[in-house]
Amino acid sequence: MIQAMMFLFSLLLGLLTWFLLTKSSEIVLVFDKKSVEKTLRFNGKIYFSFTILSFFSVLLNSQLIYTVILTIISIYTAFFSIRLASSLKK
């Protein structure tokens, strides 16, 4: 069950990566800031590496690895959200 949930989480990260890499230019048109586009594309690449890491963790099937990966992704997502919100407020 945990393995299936981790696989679905990997798919969700893949969708997030696709959105950040392909749709970031449309978000910038709304806010008209090139720095936001660069930030979104960079974070899309980071989330792509998280996606690959999550897929490999499903193959390894270790709960400790799941815990570490989910903790790292959660902390990075929190910092990404805070930085994005502050850059969009300016």
C-alpha atoms as a PDB file:
ATOM      1  CA  MET A   1       0.000   0.000   0.000  1.00  0.00           C
ATOM      2  CA  ILE A   2       2.783   2.423   0.900  1.00  0.00           C
ATOM      3  CA  GLN A   3       4.568   1.528  -2.314  1.00  0.00           C
ATOM      4  CA  ALA A   4       1.450   2.353  -4.357  1.00  0.00           C
ATOM      5  CA  MET A   5       1.011   5.671  -2.557  1.00  0.00           C
ATOM      6  CA  MET A   6       4.657   6.573  -3.171  1.00  0.00           C
ATOM      7  CA  PHE A   7       4.230   5.723  -6.857  1.00  0.00           C
ATOM      8  CA  LEU A   8       1.163   7.980  -7.071  1.00  0.00           C
ATOM      9  CA  PHE A   9       3.099  10.723  -5.290  1.00  0.00           C
ATOM     10  CA  SER A  10       5.830  10.335  -7.914  1.00  0.00           C
ATOM     11  CA  LEU A  11       3.243  10.807 -10.641  1.00  0.00           C
ATOM     12  CA  LEU A  12       1.975  13.925  -8.867  1.00  0.00           C
ATOM     13  CA  LEU A  13       5.521  15.301  -8.748  1.00  0.00           C
ATOM     14  CA  GLY A  14       5.834  14.546 -12.460  1.00  0.00           C
ATOM     15  CA  LEU A  15       2.720  16.602 -13.172  1.00  0.00           C
ATOM     16  CA  LEU A  16       4.039  19.431 -11.020  1.00  0.00           C
ATOM     17  CA  THR A  17       7.329  19.314 -12.922  1.00  0.00           C
ATOM     18  CA  TRP A  18       5.511  19.465 -16.255  1.00  0.00           C
ATOM     19  CA  PHE A  19       3.456  22.427 -15.075  1.00  0.00           C
ATOM     20  CA  LEU A  20       6.453  24.372 -13.776  1.00  0.00           C
ATOM     21  CA  LEU A  21       8.540  23.757 -16.892  1.00  0.00           C
ATOM     22  CA  THR A  22       5.865  24.366 -19.531  1.00  0.00           C
ATOM     23  CA  LYS A  23       3.364  26.782 -18.010  1.00  0.00           C
ATOM     24  CA  SER A  24       5.711  29.109 -16.118  1.00  0.00           C
ATOM     25  CA  SER A  25       5.758  31.569 -19.012  1.00  0.00           C
ATOM     26  CA  GLU A  26       1.963  31.946 -18.790  1.00  0.00           C
ATOM     27  CA  ILE A  27       2.181  32.684 -15.066  1.00  0.00           C
ATOM     28  CA  VAL A  28       4.809  35.329 -15.759  1.00  0.00           C
ATOM     29  CA  LEU A  29       2.484  37.005 -18.265  1.00  0.00           C
ATOM     30  CA  VAL A  30       0.013  37.525 -15.445  1.00  0.00           C
ATOM     31  CA  PHE A  31       2.638  38.958 -13.077  1.00  0.00           C
ATOM     32  CA  ASP A  32       5.086  40.331 -15.695  1.00  0.00           C
ATOM     33  CA  LYS A  33       8.307  39.311 -13.975  1.00  0.00           C
ATOM     34  CA  LYS A  34      11.132  37.417 -15.636  1.00  0.00           C
ATOM     35  CA  SER A  35      12.707  36.490 -12.309  1.00  0.00           C
ATOM     36  CA  VAL A  36       9.561  34.549 -11.413  1.00  0.00           C
ATOM     37  CA  GLU A  37       9.837  32.566 -14.651  1.00  0.00           C
ATOM     38  CA  LYS A  38      13.474  31.689 -13.935  1.00  0.00           C
ATOM     39  CA  THR A  39      12.557  30.650 -10.400  1.00  0.00           C
ATOM     40  CA  LEU A  40       9.711  28.455 -11.620  1.00  0.00           C
ATOM     41  CA  ARG A  41      11.864  26.783 -14.278  1.00  0.00           C
ATOM     42  CA  PHE A  42      14.671  26.144 -11.777  1.00  0.00           C
ATOM     43  CA  ASN A  43      12.226  24.657  -9.289  1.00  0.00           C
ATOM     44  CA  GLY A  44      10.731  22.562 -12.083  1.00  0.00           C
ATOM     45  CA  LYS A  45      14.164  21.012 -12.602  1.00  0.00           C
ATOM     46  CA  ILE A  46      14.508  20.394  -8.868  1.00  0.00           C
ATOM     47  CA  TYR A  47      11.096  18.728  -8.772  1.00  0.00           C
ATOM     48  CA  PHE A  48      12.104  16.607 -11.775  1.00  0.00           C
ATOM     49  CA  SER A  49      15.026  15.266  -9.762  1.00  0.00           C
ATOM     50  CA  PHE A  50      12.636  14.614  -6.856  1.00  0.00           C
ATOM     51  CA  THR A  51      10.382  12.704  -9.270  1.00  0.00           C
ATOM     52  CA  ILE A  52      13.235  10.482 -10.430  1.00  0.00           C
ATOM     53  CA  LEU A  53      14.315   9.946  -6.818  1.00  0.00           C
ATOM     54  CA  SER A  54      10.763   8.984  -5.832  1.00  0.00           C
ATOM     55  CA  PHE A  55      10.493   6.463  -8.671  1.00  0.00           C
ATOM     56  CA  PHE A  56      13.762   4.855  -7.599  1.00  0.00           C
ATOM     57  CA  SER A  57      12.601   4.735  -3.992  1.00  0.00           C
ATOM     58  CA  VAL A  58       9.576   2.705  -5.098  1.00  0.00           C
ATOM     59  CA  LEU A  59      11.966   0.183  -6.627  1.00  0.00           C
ATOM     60  CA  LEU A  60      14.035   0.011  -3.427  1.00  0.00           C
ATOM     61  CA  ASN A  61      10.911  -0.441  -1.251  1.00  0.00           C
ATOM     62  CA  SER A  62      12.320   0.885   2.034  1.00  0.00           C
ATOM     63  CA  GLN A  63      10.184   2.812   4.507  1.00  0.00           C
ATOM     64  CA  LEU A  64      13.203   4.709   5.805  1.00  0.00           C
ATOM     65  CA  ILE A  65      13.982   5.959   2.301  1.00  0.00           C
ATOM     66  CA  TYR A  66      10.316   6.947   1.834  1.00  0.00           C
ATOM     67  CA  THR A  67      10.407   8.928   5.063  1.00  0.00           C
ATOM     68  CA  VAL A  68      13.626  10.751   4.189  1.00  0.00           C
ATOM     69  CA  ILE A  69      12.497  11.585   0.645  1.00  0.00           C
ATOM     70  CA  LEU A  70       9.067  12.820   1.734  1.00  0.00           C
ATOM     71  CA  THR A  71      10.624  14.954   4.469  1.00  0.00           C
ATOM     72  CA  ILE A  72      13.093  16.561   2.052  1.00  0.00           C
ATOM     73  CA  ILE A  73      10.385  17.201  -0.549  1.00  0.00           C
ATOM     74  CA  SER A  74       8.014  18.664   2.056  1.00  0.00           C
ATOM     75  CA  ILE A  75      10.629  21.044   3.453  1.00  0.00           C
ATOM     76  CA  TYR A  76      11.716  22.143  -0.030  1.00  0.00           C
ATOM     77  CA  THR A  77       8.093  22.687  -1.075  1.00  0.00           C
ATOM     78  CA  ALA A  78       7.468  24.862   1.979  1.00  0.00           C
ATOM     79  CA  PHE A  79      10.495  27.038   1.199  1.00  0.00           C
ATOM     80  CA  PHE A  80       9.524  27.177  -2.488  1.00  0.00           C
ATOM     81  CA  SER A  81       6.016  28.340  -1.596  1.00  0.00           C
ATOM     82  CA  ILE A  82       7.313  31.027   0.743  1.00  0.00           C
ATOM     83  CA  ARG A  83       9.810  32.318  -1.843  1.00  0.00           C
ATOM     84  CA  LEU A  84       7.211  32.283  -4.614  1.00  0.00           C
ATOM     85  CA  ALA A  85       4.681  34.149  -2.482  1.00  0.00           C
ATOM     86  CA  SER A  86       7.231  36.795  -1.527  1.00  0.00           C
ATOM     87  CA  SER A  87       8.361  37.287  -5.125  1.00  0.00           C
ATOM     88  CA  LEU A  88       4.768  37.621  -6.347  1.00  0.00           C
ATOM     89  CA  LYS A  89       3.914  40.188  -3.635  1.00  0.00           C
ATOM     90  CA  LYS A  90       6.688  42.558  -4.725  1.00  0.00           C
END
